[in-house]
PDB file of N, CA and C in Angstrom:
ATOM      1  N   MET A   1     126.749 107.746  78.636  1.00  0.00           N
ATOM      2  CA  MET A   1     126.645 108.514  79.704  1.00  0.00           C
ATOM      3  C   MET A   1     127.832 107.916  81.286  1.00  0.00           C
ATOM      4  N   LYS A   2     128.594 108.529  81.352  1.00  0.00           N
ATOM      5  CA  LYS A   2     128.893 108.272  82.635  1.00  0.00           C
ATOM      6  C   LYS A   2     128.508 107.194  83.763  1.00  0.00           C
ATOM      7  N   THR A   3     129.883 106.884  84.265  1.00  0.00           N
ATOM      8  CA  THR A   3     128.812 106.171  85.717  1.00  0.00           C
ATOM      9  C   THR A   3     130.470 106.723  86.794  1.00  0.00           C
ATOM     10  N   ASP A   4     130.101 106.541  87.728  1.00  0.00           N
ATOM     11  CA  ASP A   4     130.796 107.016  89.264  1.00  0.00           C
ATOM     12  C   ASP A   4     130.652 108.622  88.844  1.00  0.00           C
ATOM     13  N   LEU A   5     130.120 109.047  88.090  1.00  0.00           N
ATOM     14  CA  LEU A   5     129.992 110.873  88.218  1.00  0.00           C
ATOM     15  C   LEU A   5     130.925 111.035  89.289  1.00  0.00           C
ATOM     16  N   HIS A   6     129.315 110.889  89.927  1.00  0.00           N
ATOM     17  CA  HIS A   6     128.659 112.115  91.539  1.00  0.00           C
ATOM     18  C   HIS A   6     129.206 111.103  92.401  1.00  0.00           C
ATOM     19  N   PRO A   7     129.439 112.710  93.748  1.00  0.00           N
ATOM     20  CA  PRO A   7     130.707 111.899  94.369  1.00  0.00           C
ATOM     21  C   PRO A   7     129.903 111.099  95.573  1.00  0.00           C
ATOM     22  N   ASN A   8     129.933 110.433  96.407  1.00  0.00           N
ATOM     23  CA  ASN A   8     129.748 109.707  97.868  1.00  0.00           C
ATOM     24  C   ASN A   8     129.019 109.727  98.929  1.00  0.00           C
ATOM     25  N   TYR A   9     128.151 110.011  99.015  1.00  0.00           N
ATOM     26  CA  TYR A   9     127.331 110.968 100.636  1.00  0.00           C
ATOM     27  C   TYR A   9     127.748 110.131 101.448  1.00  0.00           C
ATOM     28  N   GLN A  10     127.938 110.839 102.510  1.00  0.00           N
ATOM     29  CA  GLN A  10     127.748 109.831 103.286  1.00  0.00           C
ATOM     30  C   GLN A  10     126.521 110.256 104.989  1.00  0.00           C
ATOM     31  N   ASP A  11     126.802 109.899 105.425  1.00  0.00           N
ATOM     32  CA  ASP A  11     126.329 110.424 107.248  1.00  0.00           C
ATOM     33  C   ASP A  11     127.316 111.597 107.848  1.00  0.00           C
ATOM     34  N   ALA A  12     126.412 112.163 107.274  1.00  0.00           N
ATOM     35  CA  ALA A  12     128.250 113.618 108.454  1.00  0.00           C
ATOM     36  C   ALA A  12     127.154 114.320 109.346  1.00  0.00           C
ATOM     37  N   GLU A  13     128.673 114.684 110.703  1.00  0.00           N
ATOM     38  CA  GLU A  13     128.148 115.747 112.078  1.00  0.00           C
ATOM     39  C   GLU A  13     128.839 117.012 111.755  1.00  0.00           C
ATOM     40  N   ILE A  14     127.798 118.258 111.553  1.00  0.00           N
ATOM     41  CA  ILE A  14     128.499 119.163 111.171  1.00  0.00           C
ATOM     42  C   ILE A  14     128.317 119.572 113.502  1.00  0.00           C
ATOM     43  N   ARG A  15     130.296 120.235 113.485  1.00  0.00           N
ATOM     44  CA  ARG A  15     129.655 120.686 115.531  1.00  0.00           C
ATOM     45  C   ARG A  15     130.391 122.561 115.255  1.00  0.00           C
ATOM     46  N   CYS A  16     129.258 122.629 115.946  1.00  0.00           N
ATOM     47  CA  CYS A  16     129.628 124.507 116.394  1.00  0.00           C
ATOM     48  C   CYS A  16     130.418 123.787 117.362  1.00  0.00           C
ATOM     49  N   ALA A  17     131.679 125.017 118.655  1.00  0.00           N
ATOM     50  CA  ALA A  17     132.304 125.653 118.878  1.00  0.00           C
ATOM     51  C   ALA A  17     130.731 125.575 119.907  1.00  0.00           C
ATOM     52  N   CYS A  18     129.490 126.055 120.668  1.00  0.00           N
ATOM     53  CA  CYS A  18     128.907 126.020 121.798  1.00  0.00           C
ATOM     54  C   CYS A  18     128.647 124.266 121.570  1.00  0.00           C
ATOM     55  N   GLY A  19     128.648 123.500 121.248  1.00  0.00           N
ATOM     56  CA  GLY A  19     128.527 121.701 121.638  1.00  0.00           C
ATOM     57  C   GLY A  19     127.138 121.411 120.559  1.00  0.00           C
ATOM     58  N   ASN A  20     126.696 122.440 119.358  1.00  0.00           N
ATOM     59  CA  ASN A  20     125.832 122.125 118.700  1.00  0.00           C
ATOM     60  C   ASN A  20     126.718 120.856 118.005  1.00  0.00           C
ATOM     61  N   VAL A  21     125.303 119.537 118.023  1.00  0.00           N
ATOM     62  CA  VAL A  21     125.969 118.384 117.184  1.00  0.00           C
ATOM     63  C   VAL A  21     124.414 118.741 115.800  1.00  0.00           C
ATOM     64  N   ILE A  22     124.754 118.459 114.428  1.00  0.00           N
ATOM     65  CA  ILE A  22     123.783 118.545 113.745  1.00  0.00           C
ATOM     66  C   ILE A  22     124.071 117.082 112.960  1.00  0.00           C
ATOM     67  N   GLN A  23     122.873 116.090 112.373  1.00  0.00           N
ATOM     68  CA  GLN A  23     123.121 115.167 111.605  1.00  0.00           C
ATOM     69  C   GLN A  23     123.170 115.790 110.142  1.00  0.00           C
ATOM     70  N   THR A  24     123.841 115.729 108.960  1.00  0.00           N
ATOM     71  CA  THR A  24     123.252 115.842 108.162  1.00  0.00           C
ATOM     72  C   THR A  24     123.926 114.813 106.884  1.00  0.00           C
ATOM     73  N   ARG A  25     123.808 115.426 105.921  1.00  0.00           N
ATOM     74  CA  ARG A  25     124.798 113.820 104.446  1.00  0.00           C
ATOM     75  C   ARG A  25     125.651 114.568 103.939  1.00  0.00           C
ATOM     76  N   SER A  26     127.464 114.545 103.983  1.00  0.00           N
ATOM     77  CA  SER A  26     128.108 115.624 103.001  1.00  0.00           C
ATOM     78  C   SER A  26     129.518 113.684 102.468  1.00  0.00           C
ATOM     79  N   THR A  27     129.501 114.871 101.806  1.00  0.00           N
ATOM     80  CA  THR A  27     131.812 113.972 101.215  1.00  0.00           C
ATOM     81  C   THR A  27     132.045 113.954 102.152  1.00  0.00           C
ATOM     82  N   ARG A  28     131.967 115.321 103.120  1.00  0.00           N
ATOM     83  CA  ARG A  28     133.081 114.866 104.332  1.00  0.00           C
ATOM     84  C   ARG A  28     132.400 114.329 106.225  1.00  0.00           C
ATOM     85  N   LYS A  29     132.765 113.719 106.858  1.00  0.00           N
ATOM     86  CA  LYS A  29     132.391 113.004 107.421  1.00  0.00           C
ATOM     87  C   LYS A  29     132.435 114.195 109.071  1.00  0.00           C
ATOM     88  N   SER A  30     133.409 114.830 109.150  1.00  0.00           N
ATOM     89  CA  SER A  30     132.592 115.673 109.837  1.00  0.00           C
ATOM     90  C   SER A  30     132.868 117.537 109.685  1.00  0.00           C
ATOM     91  N   VAL A  31     132.441 118.337 109.770  1.00  0.00           N
ATOM     92  CA  VAL A  31     132.537 120.120 109.753  1.00  0.00           C
ATOM     93  C   VAL A  31     132.410 120.251 111.760  1.00  0.00           C
ATOM     94  N   LEU A  32     133.617 121.532 110.955  1.00  0.00           N
ATOM     95  CA  LEU A  32     133.396 122.481 112.277  1.00  0.00           C
ATOM     96  C   LEU A  32     133.535 123.612 112.289  1.00  0.00           C
ATOM     97  N   ILE A  33     132.739 124.235 112.891  1.00  0.00           N
ATOM     98  CA  ILE A  33     132.171 125.853 113.460  1.00  0.00           C
ATOM     99  C   ILE A  33     131.981 126.341 113.717  1.00  0.00           C
ATOM    100  N   GLY A  34     132.333 127.379 113.618  1.00  0.00           N
ATOM    101  CA  GLY A  34     132.261 128.545 114.782  1.00  0.00           C
ATOM    102  C   GLY A  34     131.365 129.267 115.589  1.00  0.00           C
ATOM    103  N   ILE A  35     130.198 129.411 114.760  1.00  0.00           N
ATOM    104  CA  ILE A  35     129.016 129.890 115.164  1.00  0.00           C
ATOM    105  C   ILE A  35     127.640 128.922 114.902  1.00  0.00           C
ATOM    106  N   CYS A  36     126.709 128.622 114.959  1.00  0.00           N
ATOM    107  CA  CYS A  36     125.448 128.111 114.347  1.00  0.00           C
ATOM    108  C   CYS A  36     123.725 128.801 114.857  1.00  0.00           C
ATOM    109  N   ASN A  37     123.036 128.143 115.030  1.00  0.00           N
ATOM    110  CA  ASN A  37     121.571 128.901 114.754  1.00  0.00           C
ATOM    111  C   ASN A  37     121.019 129.245 116.139  1.00  0.00           C
ATOM    112  N   LEU A  38     122.266 128.146 117.127  1.00  0.00           N
ATOM    113  CA  LEU A  38     121.462 128.245 118.385  1.00  0.00           C
ATOM    114  C   LEU A  38     122.901 128.969 119.090  1.00  0.00           C
ATOM    115  N   CYS A  39     123.321 129.278 118.956  1.00  0.00           N
ATOM    116  CA  CYS A  39     124.066 131.025 119.952  1.00  0.00           C
ATOM    117  C   CYS A  39     124.528 132.154 118.520  1.00  0.00           C
ATOM    118  N   HIS A  40     124.019 132.134 117.476  1.00  0.00           N
ATOM    119  CA  HIS A  40     124.032 133.379 116.689  1.00  0.00           C
ATOM    120  C   HIS A  40     123.902 134.168 117.134  1.00  0.00           C
ATOM    121  N   PRO A  41     123.847 135.736 117.906  1.00  0.00           N
ATOM    122  CA  PRO A  41     123.036 136.816 117.833  1.00  0.00           C
ATOM    123  C   PRO A  41     121.702 137.509 117.195  1.00  0.00           C
ATOM    124  N   PHE A  42     121.864 137.045 115.862  1.00  0.00           N
ATOM    125  CA  PHE A  42     120.491 137.325 115.006  1.00  0.00           C
ATOM    126  C   PHE A  42     118.970 136.164 115.949  1.00  0.00           C
ATOM    127  N   TYR A  43     119.969 135.373 116.282  1.00  0.00           N
ATOM    128  CA  TYR A  43     118.848 134.031 115.890  1.00  0.00           C
ATOM    129  C   TYR A  43     118.439 134.026 117.037  1.00  0.00           C
ATOM    130  N   THR A  44     119.432 134.407 118.264  1.00  0.00           N
ATOM    131  CA  THR A  44     118.855 134.471 120.396  1.00  0.00           C
ATOM    132  C   THR A  44     118.196 135.042 120.842  1.00  0.00           C
ATOM    133  N   GLY A  45     118.788 136.627 119.294  1.00  0.00           N
ATOM    134  CA  GLY A  45     117.752 138.007 120.626  1.00  0.00           C
ATOM    135  C   GLY A  45     119.263 138.731 121.135  1.00  0.00           C
ATOM    136  N   THR A  46     120.117 138.425 121.986  1.00  0.00           N
ATOM    137  CA  THR A  46     121.187 138.533 121.798  1.00  0.00           C
ATOM    138  C   THR A  46     122.034 139.409 121.636  1.00  0.00           C
ATOM    139  N   GLN A  47     122.386 140.044 121.789  1.00  0.00           N
ATOM    140  CA  GLN A  47     123.964 141.176 122.001  1.00  0.00           C
ATOM    141  C   GLN A  47     124.889 140.402 122.094  1.00  0.00           C
ATOM    142  N   LYS A  48     126.032 139.785 121.786  1.00  0.00           N
ATOM    143  CA  LYS A  48     126.702 138.539 121.618  1.00  0.00           C
ATOM    144  C   LYS A  48     128.617 139.097 121.160  1.00  0.00           C
ATOM    145  N   PHE A  49     129.039 139.949 121.893  1.00  0.00           N
ATOM    146  CA  PHE A  49     130.433 139.701 120.962  1.00  0.00           C
ATOM    147  C   PHE A  49     131.521 138.582 120.871  1.00  0.00           C
ATOM    148  N   VAL A  50     131.347 138.451 119.254  1.00  0.00           N
ATOM    149  CA  VAL A  50     132.165 137.115 119.152  1.00  0.00           C
ATOM    150  C   VAL A  50     132.943 137.760 117.929  1.00  0.00           C
ATOM    151  N   ASP A  51     134.089 137.606 118.674  1.00  0.00           N
ATOM    152  CA  ASP A  51     135.588 137.694 117.663  1.00  0.00           C
ATOM    153  C   ASP A  51     136.304 135.920 118.273  1.00  0.00           C
ATOM    154  N   THR A  52     136.597 135.973 116.492  1.00  0.00           N
ATOM    155  CA  THR A  52     136.623 134.832 116.131  1.00  0.00           C
ATOM    156  C   THR A  52     138.753 134.665 116.212  1.00  0.00           C
ATOM    157  N   ALA A  53     139.357 134.282 117.233  1.00  0.00           N
ATOM    158  CA  ALA A  53     140.630 134.507 116.753  1.00  0.00           C
ATOM    159  C   ALA A  53     141.535 135.296 116.841  1.00  0.00           C
ATOM    160  N   GLY A  54     140.859 136.567 118.008  1.00  0.00           N
ATOM    161  CA  GLY A  54     141.249 138.399 117.635  1.00  0.00           C
ATOM    162  C   GLY A  54     141.166 138.336 116.513  1.00  0.00           C
ATOM    163  N   ARG A  55     140.010 138.210 115.867  1.00  0.00           N
ATOM    164  CA  ARG A  55     140.202 139.107 114.020  1.00  0.00           C
ATOM    165  C   ARG A  55     140.191 140.753 114.469  1.00  0.00           C
ATOM    166  N   VAL A  56     139.841 141.417 115.659  1.00  0.00           N
ATOM    167  CA  VAL A  56     139.033 142.474 115.991  1.00  0.00           C
ATOM    168  C   VAL A  56     140.455 143.719 116.450  1.00  0.00           C
ATOM    169  N   ASP A  57     140.708 142.795 117.118  1.00  0.00           N
ATOM    170  CA  ASP A  57     142.204 142.934 117.366  1.00  0.00           C
ATOM    171  C   ASP A  57     143.564 143.560 116.991  1.00  0.00           C
ATOM    172  N   LYS A  58     143.555 142.318 115.546  1.00  0.00           N
ATOM    173  CA  LYS A  58     143.806 142.020 114.865  1.00  0.00           C
ATOM    174  C   LYS A  58     143.844 143.661 113.641  1.00  0.00           C
ATOM    175  N   PHE A  59     143.151 143.789 113.361  1.00  0.00           N
ATOM    176  CA  PHE A  59     142.475 145.253 112.630  1.00  0.00           C
ATOM    177  C   PHE A  59     142.742 146.634 113.540  1.00  0.00           C
ATOM    178  N   GLN A  60     142.387 146.428 114.930  1.00  0.00           N
ATOM    179  CA  GLN A  60     142.804 147.666 115.168  1.00  0.00           C
ATOM    180  C   GLN A  60     144.286 147.147 115.020  1.00  0.00           C
ATOM    181  N   GLN A  61     144.441 146.632 115.923  1.00  0.00           N
ATOM    182  CA  GLN A  61     145.825 147.399 115.359  1.00  0.00           C
ATOM    183  C   GLN A  61     146.197 147.949 113.949  1.00  0.00           C
ATOM    184  N   ARG A  62     145.962 146.828 112.548  1.00  0.00           N
ATOM    185  CA  ARG A  62     146.661 147.368 111.309  1.00  0.00           C
ATOM    186  C   ARG A  62     146.050 148.340 110.749  1.00  0.00           C
ATOM    187  N   LEU A  63     144.553 149.433 111.656  1.00  0.00           N
ATOM    188  CA  LEU A  63     144.498 150.189 111.731  1.00  0.00           C
ATOM    189  C   LEU A  63     144.810 151.738 112.613  1.00  0.00           C
ATOM    190  N   ILE A  64     145.315 151.350 112.951  1.00  0.00           N
ATOM    191  CA  ILE A  64     146.787 152.102 114.195  1.00  0.00           C
ATOM    192  C   ILE A  64     148.082 152.381 113.110  1.00  0.00           C
ATOM    193  N   LYS A  65     148.743 151.353 112.801  1.00  0.00           N
ATOM    194  CA  LYS A  65     150.186 151.367 112.545  1.00  0.00           C
ATOM    195  C   LYS A  65     149.700 151.998 110.869  1.00  0.00           C
ATOM    196  N   THR A  66     148.199 152.193 109.840  1.00  0.00           N
ATOM    197  CA  THR A  66     147.967 152.625 109.167  1.00  0.00           C
ATOM    198  C   THR A  66     147.777 154.247 109.289  1.00  0.00           C
ATOM    199  N   GLN A  67     146.717 154.791 110.292  1.00  0.00           N
ATOM    200  CA  GLN A  67     147.089 156.338 111.362  1.00  0.00           C
ATOM    201  C   GLN A  67     148.533 156.730 110.892  1.00  0.00           C
ATOM    202  N   ALA A  68     149.344 156.016 112.192  1.00  0.00           N
ATOM    203  CA  ALA A  68     150.574 156.432 112.667  1.00  0.00           C
ATOM    204  C   ALA A  68     150.775 156.623 110.420  1.00  0.00           C
ATOM    205  N   ALA A  69     151.420 155.955 109.672  1.00  0.00           N
ATOM    206  CA  ALA A  69     152.300 155.959 109.053  1.00  0.00           C
ATOM    207  C   ALA A  69     151.366 157.038 107.633  1.00  0.00           C
ATOM    208  N   GLN A  70     149.853 157.192 108.087  1.00  0.00           N
ATOM    209  CA  GLN A  70     149.501 159.181 106.523  1.00  0.00           C
ATOM    210  C   GLN A  70     150.185 159.977 106.976  1.00  0.00           C
ATOM    211  N   ALA A  71     149.988 159.914 108.987  1.00  0.00           N
ATOM    212  CA  ALA A  71     150.182 160.830 110.242  1.00  0.00           C
ATOM    213  C   ALA A  71     151.466 161.554 109.624  1.00  0.00           C
ATOM    214  N   ALA A  72     152.919 159.799 109.522  1.00  0.00           N
ATOM    215  CA  ALA A  72     153.411 161.047 109.005  1.00  0.00           C
ATOM    216  C   ALA A  72     154.570 160.804 108.285  1.00  0.00           C
ATOM    217  N   ALA A  73     153.856 160.722 106.904  1.00  0.00           N
ATOM    218  CA  ALA A  73     153.541 161.299 105.537  1.00  0.00           C
ATOM    219  C   ALA A  73     153.680 162.503 105.400  1.00  0.00           C
ATOM    220  N   ALA A  74     152.142 163.160 106.065  1.00  0.00           N
ATOM    221  CA  ALA A  74     151.836 163.583 105.234  1.00  0.00           C
ATOM    222  C   ALA A  74     152.877 165.257 106.917  1.00  0.00           C
ATOM    223  N   ALA A  75     152.604 164.736 107.602  1.00  0.00           N
ATOM    224  CA  ALA A  75     153.969 165.569 108.491  1.00  0.00           C
ATOM    225  C   ALA A  75     155.237 165.624 107.623  1.00  0.00           C
ATOM    226  N   THR A  76     155.865 164.660 106.741  1.00  0.00           N
ATOM    227  CA  THR A  76     156.611 165.088 106.089  1.00  0.00           C
ATOM    228  C   THR A  76     156.916 166.078 104.380  1.00  0.00           C
ATOM    229  N   LYS A  77     155.359 165.800 104.164  1.00  0.00           N
ATOM    230  CA  LYS A  77     155.164 166.233 102.645  1.00  0.00           C
ATOM    231  C   LYS A  77     155.055 167.947 103.791  1.00  0.00           C
ATOM    232  N   SER A  78     154.151 168.334 105.006  1.00  0.00           N
ATOM    233  CA  SER A  78     154.446 169.984 104.927  1.00  0.00           C
ATOM    234  C   SER A  78     155.519 170.103 105.037  1.00  0.00           C
ATOM    235  N   ALA A  79     156.716 169.377 106.163  1.00  0.00           N
ATOM    236  CA  ALA A  79     157.572 169.495 106.143  1.00  0.00           C
ATOM    237  C   ALA A  79     158.588 170.631 105.125  1.00  0.00           C
ATOM    238  N   LYS A  80     158.038 169.321 103.661  1.00  0.00           N
ATOM    239  CA  LYS A  80     158.544 169.301 102.371  1.00  0.00           C
ATOM    240  C   LYS A  80     158.746 171.242 101.823  1.00  0.00           C
ATOM    241  N   LYS A  81     156.923 171.795 101.764  1.00  0.00           N
ATOM    242  CA  LYS A  81     156.374 172.981 101.690  1.00  0.00           C
ATOM    243  C   LYS A  81     157.040 173.946 101.958  1.00  0.00           C
ATOM    244  N   LYS A  82     158.050 173.772 103.615  1.00  0.00           N
ATOM    245  CA  LYS A  82     157.752 175.228 103.955  1.00  0.00           C
ATOM    246  C   LYS A  82     159.195 175.596 103.281  1.00  0.00           C
ATOM    247  N   LYS A  83     159.516 174.510 102.748  1.00  0.00           N
ATOM    248  CA  LYS A  83     161.960 174.745 102.960  1.00  0.00           C
ATOM    249  C   LYS A  83     161.336 175.519 101.497  1.00  0.00           C
TER     250      LYS A  83
END
């Protein structure tokens, strides 16, 4: 059998953005997470808007840009048909 096959597990801390700290064991000393069971809307029963790093805004900007490009393509296509 192979020796030293399994990684070294040690005590670790999982830190949430809300400040909650969970003690566990892992191959890493610490893990940072954005949301945990104490602040997640499903577990708390409250509706809370969670936008990590402006992802919703980035999506909205991409959506607007795509819709504008589609409208421009449709306009040029209809202009070519009229000729």
